[in-house]
Amino acid sequence: MIATLSKNHSEWLKIAFHICKDSYIADDLVQDMYLRIHKYPPKKEINNFYIYVVIKHCFYDHLKNEKQYTQLDERTLEQAEDVTNEAYFSFLDRLDDELDKLHWYKKQLILKRQEESPRVIQEKTGINYMHIYRNCNKTEEHLRVQLEASYTAYQNGTL
């Protein structure tokens, strides 16, 4: 069964890459998919959708394991170097400026919502969760509009 699956190995890699957007992880996901299918052979016919679902579940498992262990490799170090560029810090400064312009209440709601859900905030503060939800959404939309040009410049590295 694995021999027939391996005939479409490049197609499985494309599917895995579509899911995770990283060629190294995609290769690992396809290998995990082969192991799973070998360990738990399906009772029905194996088709592309079945392979997609198995790879997607392998990716979810990868994400769960990644939360437990942080691996430092070349890719991680390169990403860390990218973060230290001027455009990133310039964008963060612009974000801080916009946050400082907000009313203190809305700023506190945004910061709290980063850590907790509106229901948890409601339990702690007594403020209706729908009020929290609406205020946060309006404030986030305001920030999105204000920072759209800065974020685009940051992505292009021109800030």
N, C-alpha and C. Protein backbone atom coordinates (compact mmCIF):
# COMPACT_ATOMS: atom_id res chain seq x y z
N MET A 1 0.82 -1.19 0.00
CA MET A 1 0.00 0.00 0.00
C MET A 1 0.88 1.26 0.00
N ILE A 2 1.93 1.28 0.78
CA ILE A 2 2.82 2.43 0.85
C ILE A 2 3.52 2.65 -0.51
N ALA A 3 3.84 1.56 -1.19
CA ALA A 3 4.50 1.68 -2.49
C ALA A 3 3.60 2.40 -3.49
N THR A 4 2.31 2.10 -3.47
CA THR A 4 1.40 2.78 -4.39
C THR A 4 1.21 4.24 -3.99
N LEU A 5 1.21 4.51 -2.68
CA LEU A 5 1.09 5.90 -2.23
C LEU A 5 2.32 6.72 -2.61
N SER A 6 3.49 6.10 -2.53
CA SER A 6 4.72 6.84 -2.79
C SER A 6 4.86 7.26 -4.25
N LYS A 7 4.06 6.69 -5.14
CA LYS A 7 4.11 7.11 -6.54
C LYS A 7 3.67 8.57 -6.69
N ASN A 8 2.83 9.04 -5.78
CA ASN A 8 2.34 10.42 -5.81
C ASN A 8 3.02 11.27 -4.74
N HIS A 9 4.24 10.93 -4.40
CA HIS A 9 4.95 11.61 -3.31
C HIS A 9 5.03 13.12 -3.53
N SER A 10 5.32 13.55 -4.73
CA SER A 10 5.44 14.99 -4.99
C SER A 10 4.09 15.69 -4.80
N GLU A 11 3.02 15.02 -5.14
CA GLU A 11 1.69 15.60 -4.94
C GLU A 11 1.39 15.75 -3.45
N TRP A 12 1.79 14.73 -2.66
CA TRP A 12 1.56 14.80 -1.21
C TRP A 12 2.39 15.94 -0.61
N LEU A 13 3.58 16.15 -1.14
CA LEU A 13 4.41 17.26 -0.65
C LEU A 13 3.75 18.61 -0.96
N LYS A 14 3.14 18.71 -2.13
CA LYS A 14 2.44 19.95 -2.47
C LYS A 14 1.28 20.20 -1.53
N ILE A 15 0.53 19.15 -1.22
CA ILE A 15 -0.59 19.28 -0.30
C ILE A 15 -0.09 19.70 1.08
N ALA A 16 0.97 19.05 1.55
CA ALA A 16 1.53 19.37 2.87
C ALA A 16 2.06 20.80 2.90
N PHE A 17 2.72 21.22 1.83
CA PHE A 17 3.24 22.58 1.77
C PHE A 17 2.10 23.59 1.78
N HIS A 18 1.01 23.26 1.10
CA HIS A 18 -0.17 24.13 1.10
C HIS A 18 -0.71 24.31 2.51
N ILE A 19 -0.61 23.29 3.34
CA ILE A 19 -1.12 23.36 4.71
C ILE A 19 -0.18 24.15 5.62
N CYS A 20 1.13 23.87 5.54
CA CYS A 20 2.06 24.44 6.53
C CYS A 20 2.94 25.57 6.01
N LYS A 21 3.07 25.73 4.71
CA LYS A 21 3.88 26.79 4.10
C LYS A 21 5.37 26.71 4.46
N ASP A 22 5.87 25.51 4.74
CA ASP A 22 7.29 25.31 5.05
C ASP A 22 7.71 23.97 4.46
N SER A 23 8.70 23.98 3.58
CA SER A 23 9.07 22.76 2.87
C SER A 23 9.66 21.70 3.80
N TYR A 24 10.39 22.13 4.85
CA TYR A 24 10.96 21.16 5.79
C TYR A 24 9.86 20.46 6.58
N ILE A 25 8.91 21.24 7.05
CA ILE A 25 7.80 20.66 7.82
C ILE A 25 6.92 19.82 6.90
N ALA A 26 6.73 20.26 5.65
CA ALA A 26 5.91 19.51 4.70
C ALA A 26 6.50 18.12 4.49
N ASP A 27 7.82 18.04 4.36
CA ASP A 27 8.47 16.74 4.19
C ASP A 27 8.22 15.85 5.41
N ASP A 28 8.32 16.43 6.60
CA ASP A 28 8.05 15.66 7.83
C ASP A 28 6.60 15.20 7.89
N LEU A 29 5.68 16.07 7.47
CA LEU A 29 4.26 15.72 7.50
C LEU A 29 3.96 14.55 6.58
N VAL A 30 4.56 14.56 5.40
CA VAL A 30 4.33 13.46 4.46
C VAL A 30 4.89 12.16 5.02
N GLN A 31 6.05 12.22 5.64
CA GLN A 31 6.61 11.01 6.27
C GLN A 31 5.70 10.51 7.40
N ASP A 32 5.18 11.44 8.20
CA ASP A 32 4.24 11.06 9.26
C ASP A 32 2.97 10.45 8.68
N MET A 33 2.53 10.99 7.54
CA MET A 33 1.33 10.46 6.88
C MET A 33 1.56 9.01 6.46
N TYR A 34 2.74 8.71 5.89
CA TYR A 34 3.05 7.33 5.51
C TYR A 34 3.03 6.41 6.74
N LEU A 35 3.62 6.89 7.82
CA LEU A 35 3.65 6.07 9.05
C LEU A 35 2.25 5.82 9.59
N ARG A 36 1.42 6.85 9.60
CA ARG A 36 0.06 6.67 10.11
C ARG A 36 -0.75 5.70 9.27
N ILE A 37 -0.63 5.84 7.96
CA ILE A 37 -1.40 4.95 7.09
C ILE A 37 -0.90 3.51 7.23
N HIS A 38 0.39 3.36 7.43
CA HIS A 38 0.94 2.02 7.63
C HIS A 38 0.48 1.44 8.98
N LYS A 39 0.48 2.28 10.00
CA LYS A 39 0.10 1.81 11.35
C LYS A 39 -1.41 1.58 11.46
N TYR A 40 -2.20 2.48 10.86
CA TYR A 40 -3.66 2.38 10.90
C TYR A 40 -4.20 2.31 9.48
N PRO A 41 -4.14 1.16 8.84
CA PRO A 41 -4.61 1.07 7.44
C PRO A 41 -6.12 1.36 7.35
N PRO A 42 -6.51 2.16 6.39
CA PRO A 42 -7.93 2.50 6.25
C PRO A 42 -8.74 1.32 5.72
N LYS A 43 -10.01 1.31 6.09
CA LYS A 43 -10.90 0.24 5.63
C LYS A 43 -11.47 0.57 4.25
N LYS A 44 -11.47 1.87 3.92
CA LYS A 44 -12.01 2.29 2.63
C LYS A 44 -10.87 2.65 1.69
N GLU A 45 -11.25 3.04 0.49
CA GLU A 45 -10.28 3.42 -0.53
C GLU A 45 -9.56 4.71 -0.12
N ILE A 46 -8.29 4.78 -0.42
CA ILE A 46 -7.51 5.98 -0.13
C ILE A 46 -7.59 6.90 -1.34
N ASN A 47 -8.09 8.12 -1.11
CA ASN A 47 -8.15 9.10 -2.19
C ASN A 47 -7.43 10.38 -1.74
N ASN A 48 -7.40 11.37 -2.60
CA ASN A 48 -6.67 12.60 -2.29
C ASN A 48 -7.23 13.30 -1.06
N PHE A 49 -8.53 13.31 -0.91
CA PHE A 49 -9.13 13.96 0.25
C PHE A 49 -8.71 13.26 1.54
N TYR A 50 -8.70 11.94 1.51
CA TYR A 50 -8.27 11.18 2.69
C TYR A 50 -6.83 11.55 3.06
N ILE A 51 -5.96 11.63 2.06
CA ILE A 51 -4.56 12.00 2.29
C ILE A 51 -4.48 13.42 2.86
N TYR A 52 -5.28 14.33 2.32
CA TYR A 52 -5.30 15.71 2.80
C TYR A 52 -5.67 15.74 4.28
N VAL A 53 -6.69 14.99 4.66
CA VAL A 53 -7.15 14.98 6.06
C VAL A 53 -6.06 14.40 6.96
N VAL A 54 -5.42 13.32 6.53
CA VAL A 54 -4.36 12.71 7.34
C VAL A 54 -3.20 13.68 7.52
N ILE A 55 -2.81 14.36 6.45
CA ILE A 55 -1.71 15.33 6.55
C ILE A 55 -2.10 16.50 7.45
N LYS A 56 -3.34 16.94 7.34
CA LYS A 56 -3.81 18.04 8.18
C LYS A 56 -3.77 17.65 9.65
N HIS A 57 -4.16 16.42 9.96
CA HIS A 57 -4.10 15.95 11.35
C HIS A 57 -2.66 15.80 11.82
N CYS A 58 -1.78 15.40 10.93
CA CYS A 58 -0.35 15.34 11.28
C CYS A 58 0.16 16.74 11.60
N PHE A 59 -0.31 17.73 10.85
CA PHE A 59 0.10 19.11 11.10
C PHE A 59 -0.42 19.59 12.45
N TYR A 60 -1.66 19.25 12.78
CA TYR A 60 -2.19 19.63 14.09
C TYR A 60 -1.34 19.01 15.21
N ASP A 61 -0.97 17.76 15.04
CA ASP A 61 -0.11 17.12 16.03
C ASP A 61 1.24 17.82 16.11
N HIS A 62 1.76 18.22 14.96
CA HIS A 62 3.02 18.94 14.93
C HIS A 62 2.91 20.25 15.72
N LEU A 63 1.79 20.96 15.54
CA LEU A 63 1.60 22.22 16.26
C LEU A 63 1.50 21.98 17.77
N LYS A 64 0.83 20.91 18.17
CA LYS A 64 0.73 20.60 19.60
C LYS A 64 2.11 20.31 20.17
N ASN A 65 2.90 19.54 19.47
CA ASN A 65 4.24 19.21 19.95
C ASN A 65 5.16 20.42 19.93
N GLU A 66 4.96 21.30 18.96
CA GLU A 66 5.81 22.48 18.85
C GLU A 66 5.60 23.41 20.04
N LYS A 67 4.38 23.43 20.60
CA LYS A 67 4.12 24.27 21.76
C LYS A 67 4.90 23.77 22.98
N GLN A 68 5.13 22.47 23.05
CA GLN A 68 5.81 21.91 24.20
C GLN A 68 7.32 22.12 24.11
N TYR A 69 7.87 22.07 22.92
CA TYR A 69 9.32 22.16 22.74
C TYR A 69 9.63 23.25 21.74
N THR A 70 10.57 24.08 22.07
CA THR A 70 11.01 25.09 21.14
C THR A 70 12.36 24.67 20.59
N GLN A 71 12.42 24.47 19.30
CA GLN A 71 13.66 24.07 18.67
C GLN A 71 14.33 25.30 18.08
N LEU A 72 15.63 25.43 18.33
CA LEU A 72 16.38 26.49 17.71
C LEU A 72 17.19 25.88 16.59
N ASP A 73 16.88 26.27 15.40
CA ASP A 73 17.64 25.81 14.25
C ASP A 73 17.95 27.01 13.37
N GLU A 74 18.52 26.78 12.23
CA GLU A 74 18.90 27.88 11.35
C GLU A 74 17.73 28.75 10.97
N ARG A 75 16.60 28.11 10.64
CA ARG A 75 15.43 28.88 10.22
C ARG A 75 14.94 29.77 11.33
N THR A 76 14.91 29.26 12.57
CA THR A 76 14.45 30.05 13.71
C THR A 76 15.37 31.24 13.93
N LEU A 77 16.67 31.01 13.84
CA LEU A 77 17.62 32.10 14.03
C LEU A 77 17.51 33.14 12.93
N GLU A 78 17.28 32.70 11.69
CA GLU A 78 17.11 33.66 10.60
C GLU A 78 15.86 34.50 10.80
N GLN A 79 14.79 33.88 11.29
CA GLN A 79 13.56 34.63 11.55
C GLN A 79 13.79 35.64 12.66
N ALA A 80 14.56 35.26 13.69
CA ALA A 80 14.85 36.18 14.78
C ALA A 80 15.65 37.38 14.28
N GLU A 81 16.56 37.14 13.34
CA GLU A 81 17.32 38.25 12.77
C GLU A 81 16.42 39.17 11.97
N ASP A 82 15.46 38.60 11.26
CA ASP A 82 14.53 39.41 10.46
C ASP A 82 13.71 40.33 11.35
N VAL A 83 13.37 39.85 12.55
CA VAL A 83 12.53 40.62 13.45
C VAL A 83 13.25 41.87 13.94
N THR A 84 14.56 41.83 13.99
CA THR A 84 15.30 42.96 14.53
C THR A 84 15.53 44.07 13.53
N ASN A 85 14.88 44.03 12.40
CA ASN A 85 15.12 45.09 11.43
C ASN A 85 14.37 46.37 11.81
N GLU A 86 14.80 47.45 11.21
CA GLU A 86 14.27 48.78 11.54
C GLU A 86 12.78 48.90 11.25
N ALA A 87 12.35 48.32 10.15
CA ALA A 87 10.94 48.44 9.76
C ALA A 87 10.02 47.88 10.84
N TYR A 88 10.43 46.78 11.43
CA TYR A 88 9.60 46.17 12.47
C TYR A 88 9.48 47.09 13.67
N PHE A 89 10.59 47.62 14.13
CA PHE A 89 10.56 48.49 15.30
C PHE A 89 9.84 49.80 15.00
N SER A 90 9.99 50.28 13.79
CA SER A 90 9.28 51.49 13.40
C SER A 90 7.77 51.26 13.41
N PHE A 91 7.35 50.10 12.91
CA PHE A 91 5.92 49.76 12.94
C PHE A 91 5.42 49.65 14.38
N LEU A 92 6.21 49.01 15.24
CA LEU A 92 5.80 48.88 16.65
C LEU A 92 5.70 50.24 17.33
N ASP A 93 6.61 51.16 17.01
CA ASP A 93 6.52 52.51 17.56
C ASP A 93 5.24 53.19 17.12
N ARG A 94 4.90 53.01 15.84
CA ARG A 94 3.64 53.59 15.32
C ARG A 94 2.43 52.98 16.02
N LEU A 95 2.48 51.68 16.27
CA LEU A 95 1.39 51.01 17.00
C LEU A 95 1.28 51.55 18.41
N ASP A 96 2.39 51.71 19.09
CA ASP A 96 2.37 52.27 20.45
C ASP A 96 1.79 53.67 20.45
N ASP A 97 2.15 54.49 19.46
CA ASP A 97 1.60 55.84 19.36
C ASP A 97 0.09 55.81 19.21
N GLU A 98 -0.39 54.92 18.34
CA GLU A 98 -1.84 54.81 18.14
C GLU A 98 -2.54 54.31 19.40
N LEU A 99 -1.93 53.37 20.10
CA LEU A 99 -2.52 52.87 21.34
C LEU A 99 -2.57 53.97 22.39
N ASP A 100 -1.56 54.83 22.43
CA ASP A 100 -1.54 55.93 23.39
C ASP A 100 -2.63 56.96 23.10
N LYS A 101 -3.04 57.08 21.84
CA LYS A 101 -4.09 58.03 21.47
C LYS A 101 -5.49 57.55 21.88
N LEU A 102 -5.62 56.24 22.13
CA LEU A 102 -6.92 55.69 22.49
C LEU A 102 -7.35 56.14 23.88
N HIS A 103 -8.66 56.14 24.09
CA HIS A 103 -9.19 56.38 25.43
C HIS A 103 -8.67 55.27 26.35
N TRP A 104 -8.38 55.60 27.60
CA TRP A 104 -7.76 54.62 28.51
C TRP A 104 -8.60 53.36 28.65
N TYR A 105 -9.93 53.51 28.63
CA TYR A 105 -10.83 52.37 28.78
C TYR A 105 -10.68 51.39 27.62
N LYS A 106 -10.68 51.94 26.40
CA LYS A 106 -10.56 51.08 25.21
C LYS A 106 -9.18 50.43 25.16
N LYS A 107 -8.16 51.17 25.54
CA LYS A 107 -6.81 50.61 25.56
C LYS A 107 -6.73 49.45 26.54
N GLN A 108 -7.31 49.60 27.72
CA GLN A 108 -7.29 48.52 28.71
C GLN A 108 -8.07 47.30 28.22
N LEU A 109 -9.20 47.54 27.56
CA LEU A 109 -9.97 46.42 27.01
C LEU A 109 -9.17 45.65 25.97
N ILE A 110 -8.50 46.38 25.08
CA ILE A 110 -7.69 45.73 24.05
C ILE A 110 -6.58 44.91 24.69
N LEU A 111 -5.90 45.48 25.64
CA LEU A 111 -4.79 44.77 26.29
C LEU A 111 -5.28 43.56 27.07
N LYS A 112 -6.43 43.69 27.76
CA LYS A 112 -6.99 42.55 28.50
C LYS A 112 -7.43 41.45 27.56
N ARG A 113 -8.01 41.85 26.42
CA ARG A 113 -8.54 40.86 25.48
C ARG A 113 -7.42 40.04 24.84
N GLN A 114 -6.21 40.57 24.82
CA GLN A 114 -5.08 39.81 24.30
C GLN A 114 -4.79 38.60 25.19
N GLU A 115 -5.14 38.71 26.45
CA GLU A 115 -4.85 37.65 27.42
C GLU A 115 -6.06 36.78 27.75
N GLU A 116 -7.25 37.38 27.71
CA GLU A 116 -8.45 36.67 28.18
C GLU A 116 -9.61 36.88 27.21
N SER A 117 -10.59 36.00 27.31
CA SER A 117 -11.78 36.13 26.48
C SER A 117 -12.73 37.17 27.08
N PRO A 118 -13.68 37.68 26.28
CA PRO A 118 -14.64 38.64 26.82
C PRO A 118 -15.45 38.07 28.00
N ARG A 119 -15.74 36.78 27.97
CA ARG A 119 -16.49 36.18 29.09
C ARG A 119 -15.69 36.22 30.39
N VAL A 120 -14.41 35.93 30.31
CA VAL A 120 -13.56 35.95 31.51
C VAL A 120 -13.44 37.38 32.02
N ILE A 121 -13.29 38.34 31.11
CA ILE A 121 -13.21 39.74 31.51
C ILE A 121 -14.51 40.15 32.18
N GLN A 122 -15.65 39.68 31.66
CA GLN A 122 -16.95 39.98 32.25
C GLN A 122 -17.02 39.46 33.67
N GLU A 123 -16.58 38.23 33.88
CA GLU A 123 -16.62 37.66 35.22
C GLU A 123 -15.77 38.46 36.21
N LYS A 124 -14.64 38.95 35.75
CA LYS A 124 -13.72 39.68 36.63
C LYS A 124 -14.17 41.12 36.88
N THR A 125 -14.78 41.76 35.85
CA THR A 125 -15.08 43.19 35.96
C THR A 125 -16.57 43.50 36.11
N GLY A 126 -17.43 42.59 35.68
CA GLY A 126 -18.86 42.86 35.72
C GLY A 126 -19.36 43.61 34.50
N ILE A 127 -18.49 43.88 33.53
CA ILE A 127 -18.89 44.56 32.30
C ILE A 127 -19.46 43.53 31.34
N ASN A 128 -20.58 43.86 30.70
CA ASN A 128 -21.24 42.95 29.78
C ASN A 128 -20.26 42.52 28.68
N TYR A 129 -20.21 41.21 28.41
CA TYR A 129 -19.24 40.71 27.43
C TYR A 129 -19.52 41.21 26.02
N MET A 130 -20.78 41.46 25.67
CA MET A 130 -21.09 41.99 24.34
C MET A 130 -20.55 43.42 24.21
N HIS A 131 -20.61 44.18 25.29
CA HIS A 131 -20.04 45.53 25.29
C HIS A 131 -18.53 45.44 25.07
N ILE A 132 -17.89 44.51 25.76
CA ILE A 132 -16.44 44.30 25.60
C ILE A 132 -16.13 43.89 24.17
N TYR A 133 -16.90 42.93 23.67
CA TYR A 133 -16.68 42.40 22.32
C TYR A 133 -16.82 43.51 21.28
N ARG A 134 -17.91 44.30 21.36
CA ARG A 134 -18.14 45.37 20.38
C ARG A 134 -17.06 46.44 20.45
N ASN A 135 -16.71 46.86 21.67
CA ASN A 135 -15.69 47.89 21.82
C ASN A 135 -14.34 47.43 21.28
N CYS A 136 -13.99 46.21 21.58
CA CYS A 136 -12.71 45.68 21.08
C CYS A 136 -12.70 45.59 19.56
N ASN A 137 -13.78 45.13 18.99
CA ASN A 137 -13.85 45.02 17.52
C ASN A 137 -13.77 46.39 16.85
N LYS A 138 -14.48 47.37 17.40
CA LYS A 138 -14.44 48.73 16.83
C LYS A 138 -13.05 49.32 16.97
N THR A 139 -12.43 49.11 18.11
CA THR A 139 -11.09 49.65 18.34
C THR A 139 -10.07 48.97 17.44
N GLU A 140 -10.18 47.64 17.29
CA GLU A 140 -9.25 46.92 16.42
C GLU A 140 -9.41 47.37 14.97
N GLU A 141 -10.64 47.60 14.54
CA GLU A 141 -10.87 48.08 13.17
C GLU A 141 -10.28 49.48 12.99
N HIS A 142 -10.44 50.33 14.01
CA HIS A 142 -9.85 51.68 13.96
C HIS A 142 -8.33 51.57 13.83
N LEU A 143 -7.71 50.71 14.63
CA LEU A 143 -6.26 50.53 14.57
C LEU A 143 -5.83 49.97 13.22
N ARG A 144 -6.62 49.05 12.69
CA ARG A 144 -6.30 48.45 11.39
C ARG A 144 -6.28 49.52 10.30
N VAL A 145 -7.26 50.41 10.33
CA VAL A 145 -7.33 51.48 9.32
C VAL A 145 -6.17 52.45 9.51
N GLN A 146 -5.88 52.83 10.76
CA GLN A 146 -4.82 53.79 11.03
C GLN A 146 -3.44 53.25 10.68
N LEU A 147 -3.25 51.94 10.87
CA LEU A 147 -1.92 51.36 10.70
C LEU A 147 -1.73 50.62 9.38
N GLU A 148 -2.72 50.64 8.52
CA GLU A 148 -2.64 49.88 7.29
C GLU A 148 -1.43 50.28 6.43
N ALA A 149 -1.21 51.57 6.27
CA ALA A 149 -0.09 52.03 5.45
C ALA A 149 1.24 51.66 6.11
N SER A 150 1.32 51.81 7.42
CA SER A 150 2.56 51.46 8.14
C SER A 150 2.85 49.98 8.05
N TYR A 151 1.80 49.16 8.15
CA TYR A 151 2.00 47.73 8.09
C TYR A 151 2.45 47.30 6.69
N THR A 152 1.87 47.90 5.67
CA THR A 152 2.27 47.58 4.29
C THR A 152 3.74 47.97 4.07
N ALA A 153 4.11 49.14 4.59
CA ALA A 153 5.51 49.58 4.47
C ALA A 153 6.43 48.63 5.22
N TYR A 154 5.99 48.16 6.38
CA TYR A 154 6.79 47.22 7.14
C TYR A 154 6.99 45.92 6.35
N GLN A 155 5.91 45.42 5.74
CA GLN A 155 6.00 44.19 4.95
C GLN A 155 6.96 44.36 3.77
N ASN A 156 6.95 45.52 3.17
CA ASN A 156 7.83 45.78 2.03
C ASN A 156 9.24 46.17 2.47
N GLY A 157 9.41 46.43 3.76
CA GLY A 157 10.71 46.81 4.28
C GLY A 157 11.11 48.23 3.91
N THR A 158 10.10 49.09 3.65
CA THR A 158 10.40 50.46 3.22
C THR A 158 10.13 51.48 4.32
N LEU A 159 9.76 51.04 5.48
CA LEU A 159 9.41 51.99 6.55
C LEU A 159 10.65 52.54 7.19
